Amino acid sequence: MLINECSFLEYERDFKNQYDPYAILIKFKERSIGFVSREFTNKIATDIDLNETHFLTIFFI
């Protein structure tokens, strides 16, 4: 699995995460590859909930 510049990633809220109520799971080609750092999830999760966004394109690695 190779993630590079302009890769298309999907993200989704992980409501069942016991460690972070705002957890955001990152996926690449339908495979889970990690989570957004907890220090950013509160603000990003609010945006996801309000705008129902689920996709992201990586421009820099």
PDB file of N, CA and C in Angstrom:
ATOM      1  N   MET A   1       0.848  -1.164   0.000  1.00  0.00           N
ATOM      2  CA  MET A   1       0.000   0.000   0.000  1.00  0.00           C
ATOM      3  C   MET A   1       0.898   1.233   0.000  1.00  0.00           C
ATOM      4  N   LEU A   2       0.751   2.061  -1.019  1.00  0.00           N
ATOM      5  CA  LEU A   2       1.585   3.245  -1.153  1.00  0.00           C
ATOM      6  C   LEU A   2       0.715   4.492  -1.121  1.00  0.00           C
ATOM      7  N   ILE A   3       0.999   5.345  -0.149  1.00  0.00           N
ATOM      8  CA  ILE A   3       0.302   6.623  -0.049  1.00  0.00           C
ATOM      9  C   ILE A   3       1.302   7.693  -0.442  1.00  0.00           C
ATOM     10  N   ASN A   4       0.931   8.497  -1.427  1.00  0.00           N
ATOM     11  CA  ASN A   4       1.840   9.544  -1.862  1.00  0.00           C
ATOM     12  C   ASN A   4       1.064  10.834  -2.112  1.00  0.00           C
ATOM     13  N   GLU A   5       1.739  11.798  -2.673  1.00  0.00           N
ATOM     14  CA  GLU A   5       1.123  13.086  -2.967  1.00  0.00           C
ATOM     15  C   GLU A   5      -0.123  12.882  -3.822  1.00  0.00           C
ATOM     16  N   CYS A   6      -1.182  13.549  -3.460  1.00  0.00           N
ATOM     17  CA  CYS A   6      -2.480  13.487  -4.136  1.00  0.00           C
ATOM     18  C   CYS A   6      -3.211  12.162  -3.941  1.00  0.00           C
ATOM     19  N   SER A   7      -2.835  11.389  -2.952  1.00  0.00           N
ATOM     20  CA  SER A   7      -3.598  10.187  -2.626  1.00  0.00           C
ATOM     21  C   SER A   7      -4.958  10.598  -2.082  1.00  0.00           C
ATOM     22  N   PHE A   8      -5.946   9.800  -2.341  1.00  0.00           N
ATOM     23  CA  PHE A   8      -7.310  10.058  -1.911  1.00  0.00           C
ATOM     24  C   PHE A   8      -7.575   9.250  -0.653  1.00  0.00           C
ATOM     25  N   LEU A   9      -7.815   9.940   0.456  1.00  0.00           N
ATOM     26  CA  LEU A   9      -8.078   9.279   1.731  1.00  0.00           C
ATOM     27  C   LEU A   9      -9.520   9.525   2.153  1.00  0.00           C
ATOM     28  N   GLU A  10     -10.041   8.606   2.923  1.00  0.00           N
ATOM     29  CA  GLU A  10     -11.372   8.757   3.490  1.00  0.00           C
ATOM     30  C   GLU A  10     -11.224   8.837   4.999  1.00  0.00           C
ATOM     31  N   TYR A  11     -12.057   9.647   5.619  1.00  0.00           N
ATOM     32  CA  TYR A  11     -12.046   9.689   7.075  1.00  0.00           C
ATOM     33  C   TYR A  11     -13.466   9.596   7.586  1.00  0.00           C
ATOM     34  N   GLU A  12     -13.586   9.061   8.780  1.00  0.00           N
ATOM     35  CA  GLU A  12     -14.911   8.922   9.375  1.00  0.00           C
ATOM     36  C   GLU A  12     -14.795   8.984  10.890  1.00  0.00           C
ATOM     37  N   ARG A  13     -15.849   9.437  11.505  1.00  0.00           N
ATOM     38  CA  ARG A  13     -15.894   9.461  12.960  1.00  0.00           C
ATOM     39  C   ARG A  13     -15.943   8.024  13.474  1.00  0.00           C
ATOM     40  N   ASP A  14     -15.247   7.768  14.554  1.00  0.00           N
ATOM     41  CA  ASP A  14     -15.273   6.460  15.204  1.00  0.00           C
ATOM     42  C   ASP A  14     -15.982   6.637  16.544  1.00  0.00           C
ATOM     43  N   PHE A  15     -17.299   6.552  16.519  1.00  0.00           N
ATOM     44  CA  PHE A  15     -18.105   6.820  17.705  1.00  0.00           C
ATOM     45  C   PHE A  15     -17.925   5.785  18.804  1.00  0.00           C
ATOM     46  N   LYS A  16     -17.394   4.623  18.475  1.00  0.00           N
ATOM     47  CA  LYS A  16     -17.220   3.560  19.467  1.00  0.00           C
ATOM     48  C   LYS A  16     -15.836   3.578  20.120  1.00  0.00           C
ATOM     49  N   ASN A  17     -14.994   4.535  19.768  1.00  0.00           N
ATOM     50  CA  ASN A  17     -13.645   4.608  20.315  1.00  0.00           C
ATOM     51  C   ASN A  17     -13.713   4.934  21.800  1.00  0.00           C
ATOM     52  N   GLN A  18     -13.176   4.060  22.623  1.00  0.00           N
ATOM     53  CA  GLN A  18     -13.258   4.236  24.076  1.00  0.00           C
ATOM     54  C   GLN A  18     -12.250   5.241  24.616  1.00  0.00           C
ATOM     55  N   TYR A  19     -11.272   5.645  23.819  1.00  0.00           N
ATOM     56  CA  TYR A  19     -10.221   6.546  24.285  1.00  0.00           C
ATOM     57  C   TYR A  19     -10.457   8.005  23.902  1.00  0.00           C
ATOM     58  N   ASP A  20     -11.227   8.228  22.851  1.00  0.00           N
ATOM     59  CA  ASP A  20     -11.449   9.594  22.380  1.00  0.00           C
ATOM     60  C   ASP A  20     -12.867   9.698  21.828  1.00  0.00           C
ATOM     61  N   PRO A  21     -13.750  10.456  22.491  1.00  0.00           N
ATOM     62  CA  PRO A  21     -15.126  10.578  22.013  1.00  0.00           C
ATOM     63  C   PRO A  21     -15.233  11.293  20.668  1.00  0.00           C
ATOM     64  N   TYR A  22     -14.153  11.948  20.237  1.00  0.00           N
ATOM     65  CA  TYR A  22     -14.125  12.652  18.957  1.00  0.00           C
ATOM     66  C   TYR A  22     -13.236  11.943  17.939  1.00  0.00           C
ATOM     67  N   ALA A  23     -12.931  10.691  18.160  1.00  0.00           N
ATOM     68  CA  ALA A  23     -11.985   9.951  17.330  1.00  0.00           C
ATOM     69  C   ALA A  23     -12.356   9.976  15.848  1.00  0.00           C
ATOM     70  N   ILE A  24     -11.317  10.114  15.011  1.00  0.00           N
ATOM     71  CA  ILE A  24     -11.495  10.146  13.561  1.00  0.00           C
ATOM     72  C   ILE A  24     -10.552   9.117  12.951  1.00  0.00           C
ATOM     73  N   LEU A  25     -11.124   8.146  12.281  1.00  0.00           N
ATOM     74  CA  LEU A  25     -10.388   7.063  11.643  1.00  0.00           C
ATOM     75  C   LEU A  25     -10.027   7.469  10.219  1.00  0.00           C
ATOM     76  N   ILE A  26      -8.794   7.207   9.809  1.00  0.00           N
ATOM     77  CA  ILE A  26      -8.333   7.492   8.450  1.00  0.00           C
ATOM     78  C   ILE A  26      -8.241   6.177   7.682  1.00  0.00           C
ATOM     79  N   LYS A  27      -8.775   6.177   6.455  1.00  0.00           N
ATOM     80  CA  LYS A  27      -8.746   4.973   5.615  1.00  0.00           C
ATOM     81  C   LYS A  27      -8.134   5.294   4.256  1.00  0.00           C
ATOM     82  N   PHE A  28      -7.476   4.288   3.695  1.00  0.00           N
ATOM     83  CA  PHE A  28      -6.922   4.364   2.351  1.00  0.00           C
ATOM     84  C   PHE A  28      -7.309   3.087   1.633  1.00  0.00           C
ATOM     85  N   LYS A  29      -7.998   3.223   0.524  1.00  0.00           N
ATOM     86  CA  LYS A  29      -8.485   2.060  -0.235  1.00  0.00           C
ATOM     87  C   LYS A  29      -9.259   1.100   0.664  1.00  0.00           C
ATOM     88  N   GLU A  30     -10.151   1.682   1.470  1.00  0.00           N
ATOM     89  CA  GLU A  30     -11.039   0.944   2.370  1.00  0.00           C
ATOM     90  C   GLU A  30     -10.323   0.214   3.505  1.00  0.00           C
ATOM     91  N   ARG A  31      -9.049   0.507   3.739  1.00  0.00           N
ATOM     92  CA  ARG A  31      -8.305  -0.105   4.838  1.00  0.00           C
ATOM     93  C   ARG A  31      -7.988   0.963   5.875  1.00  0.00           C
ATOM     94  N   SER A  32      -8.202   0.638   7.135  1.00  0.00           N
ATOM     95  CA  SER A  32      -7.873   1.559   8.219  1.00  0.00           C
ATOM     96  C   SER A  32      -6.368   1.712   8.310  1.00  0.00           C
ATOM     97  N   ILE A  33      -5.905   2.977   8.344  1.00  0.00           N
ATOM     98  CA  ILE A  33      -4.460   3.204   8.418  1.00  0.00           C
ATOM     99  C   ILE A  33      -4.059   4.006   9.655  1.00  0.00           C
ATOM    100  N   GLY A  34      -5.025   4.487  10.416  1.00  0.00           N
ATOM    101  CA  GLY A  34      -4.676   5.212  11.637  1.00  0.00           C
ATOM    102  C   GLY A  34      -5.766   6.183  12.047  1.00  0.00           C
ATOM    103  N   PHE A  35      -5.415   7.004  13.023  1.00  0.00           N
ATOM    104  CA  PHE A  35      -6.344   7.980  13.572  1.00  0.00           C
ATOM    105  C   PHE A  35      -5.721   9.364  13.533  1.00  0.00           C
ATOM    106  N   VAL A  36      -6.576  10.376  13.488  1.00  0.00           N
ATOM    107  CA  VAL A  36      -6.124  11.761  13.639  1.00  0.00           C
ATOM    108  C   VAL A  36      -5.700  11.936  15.090  1.00  0.00           C
ATOM    109  N   SER A  37      -4.626  12.680  15.317  1.00  0.00           N
ATOM    110  CA  SER A  37      -4.137  12.932  16.666  1.00  0.00           C
ATOM    111  C   SER A  37      -5.224  13.570  17.527  1.00  0.00           C
ATOM    112  N   ARG A  38      -5.345  13.117  18.747  1.00  0.00           N
ATOM    113  CA  ARG A  38      -6.381  13.575  19.664  1.00  0.00           C
ATOM    114  C   ARG A  38      -6.380  15.093  19.859  1.00  0.00           C
ATOM    115  N   GLU A  39      -5.239  15.728  19.731  1.00  0.00           N
ATOM    116  CA  GLU A  39      -5.184  17.172  19.934  1.00  0.00           C
ATOM    117  C   GLU A  39      -5.966  17.954  18.867  1.00  0.00           C
ATOM    118  N   PHE A  40      -6.310  17.311  17.751  1.00  0.00           N
ATOM    119  CA  PHE A  40      -7.033  17.979  16.674  1.00  0.00           C
ATOM    120  C   PHE A  40      -8.469  17.491  16.494  1.00  0.00           C
ATOM    121  N   THR A  41      -8.819  16.363  17.099  1.00  0.00           N
ATOM    122  CA  THR A  41     -10.090  15.716  16.769  1.00  0.00           C
ATOM    123  C   THR A  41     -11.331  16.513  17.157  1.00  0.00           C
ATOM    124  N   ASN A  42     -11.305  17.224  18.252  1.00  0.00           N
ATOM    125  CA  ASN A  42     -12.495  17.953  18.691  1.00  0.00           C
ATOM    126  C   ASN A  42     -12.974  18.932  17.619  1.00  0.00           C
ATOM    127  N   LYS A  43     -12.073  19.743  17.105  1.00  0.00           N
ATOM    128  CA  LYS A  43     -12.450  20.733  16.092  1.00  0.00           C
ATOM    129  C   LYS A  43     -12.803  20.079  14.757  1.00  0.00           C
ATOM    130  N   ILE A  44     -12.045  19.082  14.361  1.00  0.00           N
ATOM    131  CA  ILE A  44     -12.307  18.423  13.077  1.00  0.00           C
ATOM    132  C   ILE A  44     -13.611  17.637  13.138  1.00  0.00           C
ATOM    133  N   ALA A  45     -13.853  16.944  14.250  1.00  0.00           N
ATOM    134  CA  ALA A  45     -15.074  16.153  14.394  1.00  0.00           C
ATOM    135  C   ALA A  45     -16.312  17.034  14.306  1.00  0.00           C
ATOM    136  N   THR A  46     -16.255  18.206  14.878  1.00  0.00           N
ATOM    137  CA  THR A  46     -17.375  19.137  14.800  1.00  0.00           C
ATOM    138  C   THR A  46     -17.652  19.514  13.354  1.00  0.00           C
ATOM    139  N   ASP A  47     -16.607  19.768  12.597  1.00  0.00           N
ATOM    140  CA  ASP A  47     -16.766  20.102  11.179  1.00  0.00           C
ATOM    141  C   ASP A  47     -17.357  18.925  10.397  1.00  0.00           C
ATOM    142  N   ILE A  48     -16.885  17.729  10.675  1.00  0.00           N
ATOM    143  CA  ILE A  48     -17.414  16.537  10.013  1.00  0.00           C
ATOM    144  C   ILE A  48     -18.902  16.398  10.313  1.00  0.00           C
ATOM    145  N   ASP A  49     -19.273  16.562  11.581  1.00  0.00           N
ATOM    146  CA  ASP A  49     -20.672  16.405  11.970  1.00  0.00           C
ATOM    147  C   ASP A  49     -21.571  17.458  11.319  1.00  0.00           C
ATOM    148  N   LEU A  50     -21.090  18.679  11.257  1.00  0.00           N
ATOM    149  CA  LEU A  50     -21.904  19.766  10.694  1.00  0.00           C
ATOM    150  C   LEU A  50     -21.998  19.700   9.174  1.00  0.00           C
ATOM    151  N   ASN A  51     -20.913  19.318   8.517  1.00  0.00           N
ATOM    152  CA  ASN A  51     -20.860  19.351   7.057  1.00  0.00           C
ATOM    153  C   ASN A  51     -20.948  17.988   6.391  1.00  0.00           C
ATOM    154  N   GLU A  52     -20.931  16.944   7.201  1.00  0.00           N
ATOM    155  CA  GLU A  52     -20.990  15.575   6.691  1.00  0.00           C
ATOM    156  C   GLU A  52     -19.929  15.301   5.635  1.00  0.00           C
ATOM    157  N   THR A  53     -18.731  15.799   5.858  1.00  0.00           N
ATOM    158  CA  THR A  53     -17.620  15.541   4.941  1.00  0.00           C
ATOM    159  C   THR A  53     -16.938  14.240   5.322  1.00  0.00           C
ATOM    160  N   HIS A  54     -16.408  13.533   4.322  1.00  0.00           N
ATOM    161  CA  HIS A  54     -15.777  12.238   4.583  1.00  0.00           C
ATOM    162  C   HIS A  54     -14.556  11.967   3.720  1.00  0.00           C
ATOM    163  N   PHE A  55     -14.134  12.937   2.921  1.00  0.00           N
ATOM    164  CA  PHE A  55     -13.038  12.675   2.012  1.00  0.00           C
ATOM    165  C   PHE A  55     -11.983  13.742   2.095  1.00  0.00           C
ATOM    166  N   LEU A  56     -10.767  13.371   1.764  1.00  0.00           N
ATOM    167  CA  LEU A  56      -9.628  14.244   1.890  1.00  0.00           C
ATOM    168  C   LEU A  56      -8.593  13.837   0.841  1.00  0.00           C
ATOM    169  N   THR A  57      -7.948  14.795   0.223  1.00  0.00           N
ATOM    170  CA  THR A  57      -6.859  14.497  -0.700  1.00  0.00           C
ATOM    171  C   THR A  57      -5.567  15.000  -0.070  1.00  0.00           C
ATOM    172  N   ILE A  58      -4.552  14.142  -0.021  1.00  0.00           N
ATOM    173  CA  ILE A  58      -3.264  14.501   0.547  1.00  0.00           C
ATOM    174  C   ILE A  58      -2.424  15.210  -0.510  1.00  0.00           C
ATOM    175  N   PHE A  59      -1.934  16.390  -0.195  1.00  0.00           N
ATOM    176  CA  PHE A  59      -1.109  17.138  -1.143  1.00  0.00           C
ATOM    177  C   PHE A  59       0.364  17.121  -0.767  1.00  0.00           C
ATOM    178  N   PHE A  60       0.679  16.879   0.492  1.00  0.00           N
ATOM    179  CA  PHE A  60       2.068  16.845   0.947  1.00  0.00           C
ATOM    180  C   PHE A  60       2.263  15.679   1.893  1.00  0.00           C
ATOM    181  N   ILE A  61       3.392  15.016   1.781  1.00  0.00           N
ATOM    182  CA  ILE A  61       3.724  13.905   2.684  1.00  0.00           C
ATOM    183  C   ILE A  61       5.067  14.209   3.301  1.00  0.00           C
TER     184      ILE A  61
END
